[in-house]
Amino acid sequence: MPVFFVSSTTIQNHRISLAGSLYTHIVKSLRIRPGQSIQVCDERRQRHSVEVTDITKRTLYGNIQDTVIGPPQEQPTITLAQSVLKGEHMAWVIQKSTELGVHAIIPIISERVQSRIGKSSMTSHQVRWQRIALEAAQQSERWDFPAILEPQPFHTFLHALSETQNNLILVEREEPTVINTAAEHDQPFSNNQNVVLTIGPEGGWSQAEIQDAENSGMRKVTLGKKILRSETAAITGMVMVQERFKHVTFTTIDVKGPSA
């Protein structure tokens, strides 16, 4: 059973009430009935075991039986800046990076983005992507879920970056630092600064974009000699960054990707 994310405002005097889409999912889809138990997690990183007591036409009520306080958020956090991919490839990256513990995802509109997403539909896609992230976080029993930020042009993203040693842009066919083999004396990563990992689209970055990234203080990194598809590079990069900072947070990985 997944852990459902709720607002702490739904909890009063050790009793919880759920309505709306979450009610519909739990009652109509999962067919939870009075006497059964569910788990919910709120924004305070508190996970509650709830016994369902009553279900009306619009609201589920339950009593909190037990509460566990979650661990502090892992540091440094990892934000994935992912160039928008075609079709379900973007959804797959969001789902899998969420399972791996990504802190936030920024959809990037780069020069070579081949997505058919138009400006008018970006908002609806952002809503869908946020739902995918929420569902993946619930299924993997995370203590929180990543925010899917508003899709933005690459130059807007660069302009908003804070200057740190851990702003990384993934490139291929060059000889920059390999993420998980960087020596401490070789432009070391900072263990007390959060990581921004930036992944290009199908077709890669343009030379102008790479130059703009360097001018903005980003560090070019690589995953090694192999040329990977963008969605594969995103997940591999996440794992290598986590290994670099010694906080790999998964027990198993679903490596099955979307069809080409």
C-alpha atoms as a PDB file:
ATOM      1  CA  MET A   1       0.000   0.000   0.000  1.00  0.00           C
ATOM      2  CA  PRO A   2       1.491   3.400  -0.942  1.00  0.00           C
ATOM      3  CA  VAL A   3       1.944   6.272   1.505  1.00  0.00           C
ATOM      4  CA  PHE A   4      -0.465   9.113   0.683  1.00  0.00           C
ATOM      5  CA  PHE A   5       0.618  12.732   1.043  1.00  0.00           C
ATOM      6  CA  VAL A   6      -1.789  14.984   2.925  1.00  0.00           C
ATOM      7  CA  SER A   7      -1.780  18.436   4.476  1.00  0.00           C
ATOM      8  CA  SER A   8      -1.448  18.582   8.247  1.00  0.00           C
ATOM      9  CA  THR A   9      -4.633  20.699   8.192  1.00  0.00           C
ATOM     10  CA  THR A  10      -6.609  17.495   7.507  1.00  0.00           C
ATOM     11  CA  ILE A  11      -5.610  16.229  10.977  1.00  0.00           C
ATOM     12  CA  GLN A  12      -7.414  17.387  14.108  1.00  0.00           C
ATOM     13  CA  ASN A  13      -7.203  15.713  17.529  1.00  0.00           C
ATOM     14  CA  HIS A  14      -5.670  12.499  16.143  1.00  0.00           C
ATOM     15  CA  ARG A  15      -8.442  12.218  13.584  1.00  0.00           C
ATOM     16  CA  ILE A  16      -8.105  12.709   9.831  1.00  0.00           C
ATOM     17  CA  SER A  17     -10.605  13.598   7.128  1.00  0.00           C
ATOM     18  CA  LEU A  18      -9.864  13.142   3.412  1.00  0.00           C
ATOM     19  CA  ALA A  19     -11.902  14.464   0.487  1.00  0.00           C
ATOM     20  CA  GLY A  20     -11.460  15.356  -3.174  1.00  0.00           C
ATOM     21  CA  SER A  21      -9.302  13.369  -5.558  1.00  0.00           C
ATOM     22  CA  LEU A  22      -7.483  11.505  -2.782  1.00  0.00           C
ATOM     23  CA  TYR A  23     -10.832  10.334  -1.390  1.00  0.00           C
ATOM     24  CA  THR A  24     -11.830   9.160  -4.866  1.00  0.00           C
ATOM     25  CA  HIS A  25      -8.578   7.248  -5.335  1.00  0.00           C
ATOM     26  CA  ILE A  26      -8.650   5.545  -1.930  1.00  0.00           C
ATOM     27  CA  VAL A  27     -12.363   4.717  -1.867  1.00  0.00           C
ATOM     28  CA  LYS A  28     -13.270   4.246  -5.524  1.00  0.00           C
ATOM     29  CA  SER A  29     -10.025   2.848  -6.960  1.00  0.00           C
ATOM     30  CA  LEU A  30      -8.436   1.037  -4.009  1.00  0.00           C
ATOM     31  CA  ARG A  31     -11.808   0.183  -2.434  1.00  0.00           C
ATOM     32  CA  ILE A  32     -10.619   0.830   1.108  1.00  0.00           C
ATOM     33  CA  ARG A  33     -13.369   0.183   3.652  1.00  0.00           C
ATOM     34  CA  PRO A  34     -13.943   0.966   7.361  1.00  0.00           C
ATOM     35  CA  GLY A  35     -11.744  -1.160   9.571  1.00  0.00           C
ATOM     36  CA  GLN A  36      -8.846  -1.153   7.111  1.00  0.00           C
ATOM     37  CA  SER A  37      -5.664   0.879   7.551  1.00  0.00           C
ATOM     38  CA  ILE A  38      -3.815   3.363   5.351  1.00  0.00           C
ATOM     39  CA  GLN A  39      -0.634   5.378   5.776  1.00  0.00           C
ATOM     40  CA  VAL A  40      -0.398   9.116   5.203  1.00  0.00           C
ATOM     41  CA  CYS A  41       2.520  11.560   5.370  1.00  0.00           C
ATOM     42  CA  ASP A  42       2.272  15.319   5.884  1.00  0.00           C
ATOM     43  CA  GLU A  43       4.573  18.250   5.090  1.00  0.00           C
ATOM     44  CA  ARG A  44       6.145  18.014   8.567  1.00  0.00           C
ATOM     45  CA  ARG A  45       7.643  14.628   7.554  1.00  0.00           C
ATOM     46  CA  GLN A  46       5.308  12.824   9.941  1.00  0.00           C
ATOM     47  CA  ARG A  47       3.957   9.469   8.781  1.00  0.00           C
ATOM     48  CA  HIS A  48       0.690   8.344  10.337  1.00  0.00           C
ATOM     49  CA  SER A  49      -0.931   4.918  10.435  1.00  0.00           C
ATOM     50  CA  VAL A  50      -4.669   5.529  10.118  1.00  0.00           C
ATOM     51  CA  GLU A  51      -7.566   3.184  10.799  1.00  0.00           C
ATOM     52  CA  VAL A  52     -10.495   4.089   8.565  1.00  0.00           C
ATOM     53  CA  THR A  53     -13.635   4.528  10.676  1.00  0.00           C
ATOM     54  CA  ASP A  54     -16.265   6.116   8.426  1.00  0.00           C
ATOM     55  CA  ILE A  55     -16.780   6.731   4.714  1.00  0.00           C
ATOM     56  CA  THR A  56     -19.510   9.081   3.489  1.00  0.00           C
ATOM     57  CA  LYS A  57     -20.336  10.035  -0.081  1.00  0.00           C
ATOM     58  CA  ARG A  58     -17.575  12.666  -0.138  1.00  0.00           C
ATOM     59  CA  THR A  59     -15.298  12.189   2.876  1.00  0.00           C
ATOM     60  CA  LEU A  60     -13.199   9.460   4.488  1.00  0.00           C
ATOM     61  CA  TYR A  61     -12.602   9.658   8.234  1.00  0.00           C
ATOM     62  CA  GLY A  62     -10.025   7.809  10.275  1.00  0.00           C
ATOM     63  CA  ASN A  63      -8.261   7.639  13.619  1.00  0.00           C
ATOM     64  CA  ILE A  64      -4.493   7.960  13.853  1.00  0.00           C
ATOM     65  CA  GLN A  65      -3.093   4.859  15.531  1.00  0.00           C
ATOM     66  CA  ASP A  66       0.625   5.598  15.323  1.00  0.00           C
ATOM     67  CA  THR A  67       2.948   8.388  14.141  1.00  0.00           C
ATOM     68  CA  VAL A  68       6.582   8.130  13.030  1.00  0.00           C
ATOM     69  CA  ILE A  69       8.834  11.164  12.546  1.00  0.00           C
ATOM     70  CA  GLY A  70      10.858  10.992   9.338  1.00  0.00           C
ATOM     71  CA  PRO A  71      14.630  11.456   9.114  1.00  0.00           C
ATOM     72  CA  PRO A  72      16.071  14.866   8.181  1.00  0.00           C
ATOM     73  CA  GLN A  73      16.181  15.586   4.472  1.00  0.00           C
ATOM     74  CA  GLU A  74      19.339  14.185   2.923  1.00  0.00           C
ATOM     75  CA  GLN A  75      22.031  16.704   2.096  1.00  0.00           C
ATOM     76  CA  PRO A  76      23.087  17.823  -0.381  1.00  0.00           C
ATOM     77  CA  THR A  77      19.828  17.761  -2.308  1.00  0.00           C
ATOM     78  CA  ILE A  78      19.776  17.065  -6.058  1.00  0.00           C
ATOM     79  CA  THR A  79      17.768  19.187  -8.474  1.00  0.00           C
ATOM     80  CA  LEU A  80      17.404  17.727 -11.968  1.00  0.00           C
ATOM     81  CA  ALA A  81      17.222  20.293 -14.776  1.00  0.00           C
ATOM     82  CA  GLN A  82      15.974  18.136 -17.640  1.00  0.00           C
ATOM     83  CA  SER A  83      15.474  19.325 -21.207  1.00  0.00           C
ATOM     84  CA  VAL A  84      11.908  18.463 -22.171  1.00  0.00           C
ATOM     85  CA  LEU A  85      11.762  15.086 -23.902  1.00  0.00           C
ATOM     86  CA  LYS A  86       9.290  13.709 -26.392  1.00  0.00           C
ATOM     87  CA  GLY A  87       6.209  11.748 -25.406  1.00  0.00           C
ATOM     88  CA  GLU A  88       6.464   9.483 -22.389  1.00  0.00           C
ATOM     89  CA  HIS A  89      10.243   9.802 -22.101  1.00  0.00           C
ATOM     90  CA  MET A  90       9.838  12.919 -19.937  1.00  0.00           C
ATOM     91  CA  ALA A  91       7.267  11.188 -17.738  1.00  0.00           C
ATOM     92  CA  TRP A  92       9.620   8.228 -17.313  1.00  0.00           C
ATOM     93  CA  VAL A  93      12.498  10.484 -16.193  1.00  0.00           C
ATOM     94  CA  ILE A  94      10.240  12.226 -13.682  1.00  0.00           C
ATOM     95  CA  GLN A  95       8.963   8.946 -12.292  1.00  0.00           C
ATOM     96  CA  LYS A  96      12.349   7.250 -11.916  1.00  0.00           C
ATOM     97  CA  SER A  97      14.248  10.286 -10.607  1.00  0.00           C
ATOM     98  CA  THR A  98      11.500  10.719  -8.013  1.00  0.00           C
ATOM     99  CA  GLU A  99      11.983   7.128  -6.901  1.00  0.00           C
ATOM    100  CA  LEU A 100      15.702   7.859  -6.557  1.00  0.00           C
ATOM    101  CA  GLY A 101      15.064  10.844  -4.292  1.00  0.00           C
ATOM    102  CA  VAL A 102      15.364  13.939  -6.513  1.00  0.00           C
ATOM    103  CA  HIS A 103      14.547  17.162  -4.643  1.00  0.00           C
ATOM    104  CA  ALA A 104      13.058  19.116  -7.569  1.00  0.00           C
ATOM    105  CA  ILE A 105      12.803  18.906 -11.355  1.00  0.00           C
ATOM    106  CA  ILE A 106      13.102  21.865 -13.721  1.00  0.00           C
ATOM    107  CA  PRO A 107      11.842  21.211 -17.281  1.00  0.00           C
ATOM    108  CA  ILE A 108      14.196  23.072 -19.648  1.00  0.00           C
ATOM    109  CA  ILE A 109      13.297  24.405 -23.085  1.00  0.00           C
ATOM    110  CA  SER A 110      16.609  24.168 -24.938  1.00  0.00           C
ATOM    111  CA  GLU A 111      17.461  24.865 -28.591  1.00  0.00           C
ATOM    112  CA  ARG A 112      17.136  21.274 -29.741  1.00  0.00           C
ATOM    113  CA  VAL A 113      14.074  20.288 -27.753  1.00  0.00           C
ATOM    114  CA  GLN A 114      12.109  18.077 -30.106  1.00  0.00           C
ATOM    115  CA  SER A 115       9.033  17.851 -27.928  1.00  0.00           C
ATOM    116  CA  ARG A 116       5.741  18.679 -29.578  1.00  0.00           C
ATOM    117  CA  ILE A 117       4.633  20.520 -26.459  1.00  0.00           C
ATOM    118  CA  GLY A 118       3.456  24.025 -27.353  1.00  0.00           C
ATOM    119  CA  LYS A 119       3.515  27.044 -25.085  1.00  0.00           C
ATOM    120  CA  SER A 120      -0.245  26.878 -24.559  1.00  0.00           C
ATOM    121  CA  SER A 121      -0.063  23.306 -23.242  1.00  0.00           C
ATOM    122  CA  MET A 122       2.976  23.691 -20.968  1.00  0.00           C
ATOM    123  CA  THR A 123       0.811  24.355 -17.921  1.00  0.00           C
ATOM    124  CA  SER A 124      -1.252  21.192 -18.407  1.00  0.00           C
ATOM    125  CA  HIS A 125       1.912  19.142 -18.878  1.00  0.00           C
ATOM    126  CA  GLN A 126       3.398  20.614 -15.707  1.00  0.00           C
ATOM    127  CA  VAL A 127       0.268  19.575 -13.796  1.00  0.00           C
ATOM    128  CA  ARG A 128       0.501  16.056 -15.225  1.00  0.00           C
ATOM    129  CA  TRP A 129       4.218  15.806 -14.450  1.00  0.00           C
ATOM    130  CA  GLN A 130       3.580  16.910 -10.855  1.00  0.00           C
ATOM    131  CA  ARG A 131       0.939  14.193 -10.511  1.00  0.00           C
ATOM    132  CA  ILE A 132       3.398  11.598 -11.839  1.00  0.00           C
ATOM    133  CA  ALA A 133       6.007  12.744  -9.303  1.00  0.00           C
ATOM    134  CA  LEU A 134       3.473  12.621  -6.466  1.00  0.00           C
ATOM    135  CA  GLU A 135       2.335   9.109  -7.373  1.00  0.00           C
ATOM    136  CA  ALA A 136       5.927   7.867  -7.709  1.00  0.00           C
ATOM    137  CA  ALA A 137       6.824   9.340  -4.307  1.00  0.00           C
ATOM    138  CA  GLN A 138       3.806   7.680  -2.713  1.00  0.00           C
ATOM    139  CA  GLN A 139       4.572   4.316  -4.313  1.00  0.00           C
ATOM    140  CA  SER A 140       8.222   4.404  -3.234  1.00  0.00           C
ATOM    141  CA  GLU A 141       7.234   5.485   0.313  1.00  0.00           C
ATOM    142  CA  ARG A 142       9.226   8.705   0.305  1.00  0.00           C
ATOM    143  CA  TRP A 143       8.905  11.197   3.152  1.00  0.00           C
ATOM    144  CA  ASP A 144       8.340  14.029   0.689  1.00  0.00           C
ATOM    145  CA  PHE A 145       7.811  14.566  -3.016  1.00  0.00           C
ATOM    146  CA  PRO A 146       9.672  16.726  -5.545  1.00  0.00           C
ATOM    147  CA  ALA A 147       8.315  19.967  -6.929  1.00  0.00           C
ATOM    148  CA  ILE A 148       8.020  20.150 -10.707  1.00  0.00           C
ATOM    149  CA  LEU A 149       8.887  23.727 -11.511  1.00  0.00           C
ATOM    150  CA  GLU A 150       7.498  25.741 -14.402  1.00  0.00           C
ATOM    151  CA  PRO A 151       9.119  24.863 -17.747  1.00  0.00           C
ATOM    152  CA  GLN A 152      11.573  27.600 -18.670  1.00  0.00           C
ATOM    153  CA  PRO A 153      14.007  28.576 -21.433  1.00  0.00           C
ATOM    154  CA  PHE A 154      17.614  27.563 -20.839  1.00  0.00           C
ATOM    155  CA  HIS A 155      18.820  31.173 -20.621  1.00  0.00           C
ATOM    156  CA  THR A 156      16.204  31.913 -17.928  1.00  0.00           C
ATOM    157  CA  PHE A 157      17.360  28.887 -15.959  1.00  0.00           C
ATOM    158  CA  LEU A 158      21.023  29.974 -16.202  1.00  0.00           C
ATOM    159  CA  HIS A 159      20.214  33.509 -15.104  1.00  0.00           C
ATOM    160  CA  ALA A 160      18.515  32.245 -11.934  1.00  0.00           C
ATOM    161  CA  LEU A 161      21.322  29.885 -10.857  1.00  0.00           C
ATOM    162  CA  SER A 162      23.170  30.537  -7.627  1.00  0.00           C
ATOM    163  CA  GLU A 163      26.956  30.326  -7.932  1.00  0.00           C
ATOM    164  CA  THR A 164      28.211  27.057  -6.459  1.00  0.00           C
ATOM    165  CA  GLN A 165      30.725  24.359  -7.370  1.00  0.00           C
ATOM    166  CA  ASN A 166      27.882  21.877  -7.752  1.00  0.00           C
ATOM    167  CA  ASN A 167      26.079  23.334 -10.788  1.00  0.00           C
ATOM    168  CA  LEU A 168      26.740  20.575 -13.315  1.00  0.00           C
ATOM    169  CA  ILE A 169      25.976  20.279 -17.023  1.00  0.00           C
ATOM    170  CA  LEU A 170      26.298  16.891 -18.669  1.00  0.00           C
ATOM    171  CA  VAL A 171      28.173  16.862 -21.992  1.00  0.00           C
ATOM    172  CA  GLU A 172      29.417  14.170 -24.347  1.00  0.00           C
ATOM    173  CA  ARG A 173      32.385  13.755 -26.671  1.00  0.00           C
ATOM    174  CA  GLU A 174      34.580  15.864 -24.399  1.00  0.00           C
ATOM    175  CA  GLU A 175      37.008  15.064 -21.599  1.00  0.00           C
ATOM    176  CA  PRO A 176      35.623  16.833 -18.524  1.00  0.00           C
ATOM    177  CA  THR A 177      35.430  15.373 -15.017  1.00  0.00           C
ATOM    178  CA  VAL A 178      33.617  12.060 -14.650  1.00  0.00           C
ATOM    179  CA  ILE A 179      31.086  12.623 -11.873  1.00  0.00           C
ATOM    180  CA  ASN A 180      31.875   9.713  -9.563  1.00  0.00           C
ATOM    181  CA  THR A 181      35.650   9.608 -10.053  1.00  0.00           C
ATOM    182  CA  ALA A 182      36.490  13.255  -9.353  1.00  0.00           C
ATOM    183  CA  ALA A 183      39.566  13.456  -7.150  1.00  0.00           C
ATOM    184  CA  GLU A 184      39.354  15.730  -4.139  1.00  0.00           C
ATOM    185  CA  HIS A 185      42.139  17.944  -5.527  1.00  0.00           C
ATOM    186  CA  ASP A 186      40.624  18.109  -9.020  1.00  0.00           C
ATOM    187  CA  GLN A 187      38.126  20.946  -8.689  1.00  0.00           C
ATOM    188  CA  PRO A 188      36.364  19.059  -5.899  1.00  0.00           C
ATOM    189  CA  PHE A 189      32.636  19.071  -5.409  1.00  0.00           C
ATOM    190  CA  SER A 190      31.360  20.862  -2.319  1.00  0.00           C
ATOM    191  CA  ASN A 191      29.747  18.577   0.238  1.00  0.00           C
ATOM    192  CA  ASN A 192      27.802  21.432   1.843  1.00  0.00           C
ATOM    193  CA  GLN A 193      26.215  22.797  -1.335  1.00  0.00           C
ATOM    194  CA  ASN A 194      23.208  21.361  -3.146  1.00  0.00           C
ATOM    195  CA  VAL A 195      23.605  19.843  -6.613  1.00  0.00           C
ATOM    196  CA  VAL A 196      21.972  20.976  -9.845  1.00  0.00           C
ATOM    197  CA  LEU A 197      22.385  18.304 -12.539  1.00  0.00           C
ATOM    198  CA  THR A 198      21.501  19.570 -16.035  1.00  0.00           C
ATOM    199  CA  ILE A 199      20.693  17.117 -18.840  1.00  0.00           C
ATOM    200  CA  GLY A 200      20.378  17.960 -22.532  1.00  0.00           C
ATOM    201  CA  PRO A 201      17.686  16.881 -25.009  1.00  0.00           C
ATOM    202  CA  GLU A 202      17.685  14.380 -27.831  1.00  0.00           C
ATOM    203  CA  GLY A 203      20.464  15.676 -30.074  1.00  0.00           C
ATOM    204  CA  GLY A 204      22.428  17.186 -27.198  1.00  0.00           C
ATOM    205  CA  TRP A 205      23.325  20.762 -26.333  1.00  0.00           C
ATOM    206  CA  SER A 206      24.331  23.310 -28.948  1.00  0.00           C
ATOM    207  CA  GLN A 207      27.826  24.755 -28.652  1.00  0.00           C
ATOM    208  CA  ALA A 208      26.308  28.130 -27.823  1.00  0.00           C
ATOM    209  CA  GLU A 209      24.388  26.612 -24.913  1.00  0.00           C
ATOM    210  CA  ILE A 210      27.485  24.907 -23.549  1.00  0.00           C
ATOM    211  CA  GLN A 211      29.381  28.177 -23.762  1.00  0.00           C
ATOM    212  CA  ASP A 212      26.549  30.052 -22.031  1.00  0.00           C
ATOM    213  CA  ALA A 213      26.525  27.412 -19.289  1.00  0.00           C
ATOM    214  CA  GLU A 214      30.266  27.792 -18.726  1.00  0.00           C
ATOM    215  CA  ASN A 215      29.928  31.573 -18.677  1.00  0.00           C
ATOM    216  CA  SER A 216      27.311  31.144 -15.965  1.00  0.00           C
ATOM    217  CA  GLY A 217      29.739  29.135 -13.843  1.00  0.00           C
ATOM    218  CA  MET A 218      28.430  25.651 -14.580  1.00  0.00           C
ATOM    219  CA  ARG A 219      30.908  22.779 -14.532  1.00  0.00           C
ATOM    220  CA  LYS A 220      31.003  20.378 -17.465  1.00  0.00           C
ATOM    221  CA  VAL A 221      30.856  16.735 -16.392  1.00  0.00           C
ATOM    222  CA  THR A 222      30.486  13.397 -18.132  1.00  0.00           C
ATOM    223  CA  LEU A 223      29.250   9.913 -17.347  1.00  0.00           C
ATOM    224  CA  GLY A 224      32.174   8.326 -19.166  1.00  0.00           C
ATOM    225  CA  LYS A 225      32.870   7.211 -22.739  1.00  0.00           C
ATOM    226  CA  LYS A 226      29.443   5.899 -23.692  1.00  0.00           C
ATOM    227  CA  ILE A 227      26.827   8.046 -25.433  1.00  0.00           C
ATOM    228  CA  LEU A 228      23.515   7.536 -23.655  1.00  0.00           C
ATOM    229  CA  ARG A 229      19.993   8.534 -24.507  1.00  0.00           C
ATOM    230  CA  SER A 230      18.824  11.570 -22.573  1.00  0.00           C
ATOM    231  CA  GLU A 231      16.488   9.654 -20.275  1.00  0.00           C
ATOM    232  CA  THR A 232      19.173   7.056 -19.561  1.00  0.00           C
ATOM    233  CA  ALA A 233      21.723   9.784 -18.869  1.00  0.00           C
ATOM    234  CA  ALA A 234      19.388  11.474 -16.385  1.00  0.00           C
ATOM    235  CA  ILE A 235      18.942   8.364 -14.253  1.00  0.00           C
ATOM    236  CA  THR A 236      22.583   7.312 -14.538  1.00  0.00           C
ATOM    237  CA  GLY A 237      23.669  10.824 -13.601  1.00  0.00           C
ATOM    238  CA  MET A 238      21.400  10.808 -10.563  1.00  0.00           C
ATOM    239  CA  VAL A 239      22.895   7.546  -9.318  1.00  0.00           C
ATOM    240  CA  MET A 240      26.472   8.711  -9.920  1.00  0.00           C
ATOM    241  CA  VAL A 241      25.883  11.985  -8.074  1.00  0.00           C
ATOM    242  CA  GLN A 242      24.343  10.107  -5.156  1.00  0.00           C
ATOM    243  CA  GLU A 243      27.289   7.737  -5.088  1.00  0.00           C
ATOM    244  CA  ARG A 244      29.681  10.689  -5.214  1.00  0.00           C
ATOM    245  CA  PHE A 245      28.084  12.113  -2.088  1.00  0.00           C
ATOM    246  CA  LYS A 246      27.533   8.704  -0.470  1.00  0.00           C
ATOM    247  CA  HIS A 247      23.793   8.859   0.039  1.00  0.00           C
ATOM    248  CA  VAL A 248      22.348   6.373  -2.440  1.00  0.00           C
ATOM    249  CA  THR A 249      18.719   6.060  -1.310  1.00  0.00           C
ATOM    250  CA  PHE A 250      17.275   3.119  -3.219  1.00  0.00           C
ATOM    251  CA  THR A 251      17.144  -0.621  -2.755  1.00  0.00           C
ATOM    252  CA  THR A 252      16.096  -1.597  -6.285  1.00  0.00           C
ATOM    253  CA  ILE A 253      15.965   0.181  -9.633  1.00  0.00           C
ATOM    254  CA  ASP A 254      13.459  -0.379 -12.417  1.00  0.00           C
ATOM    255  CA  VAL A 255      15.704  -0.043 -15.471  1.00  0.00           C
ATOM    256  CA  LYS A 256      12.998  -0.664 -18.053  1.00  0.00           C
ATOM    257  CA  GLY A 257      12.628   2.490 -20.127  1.00  0.00           C
ATOM    258  CA  PRO A 258       9.981   3.648 -22.568  1.00  0.00           C
ATOM    259  CA  SER A 259       9.889   2.238 -26.061  1.00  0.00           C
ATOM    260  CA  ALA A 260      11.657   4.239 -28.741  1.00  0.00           C
END
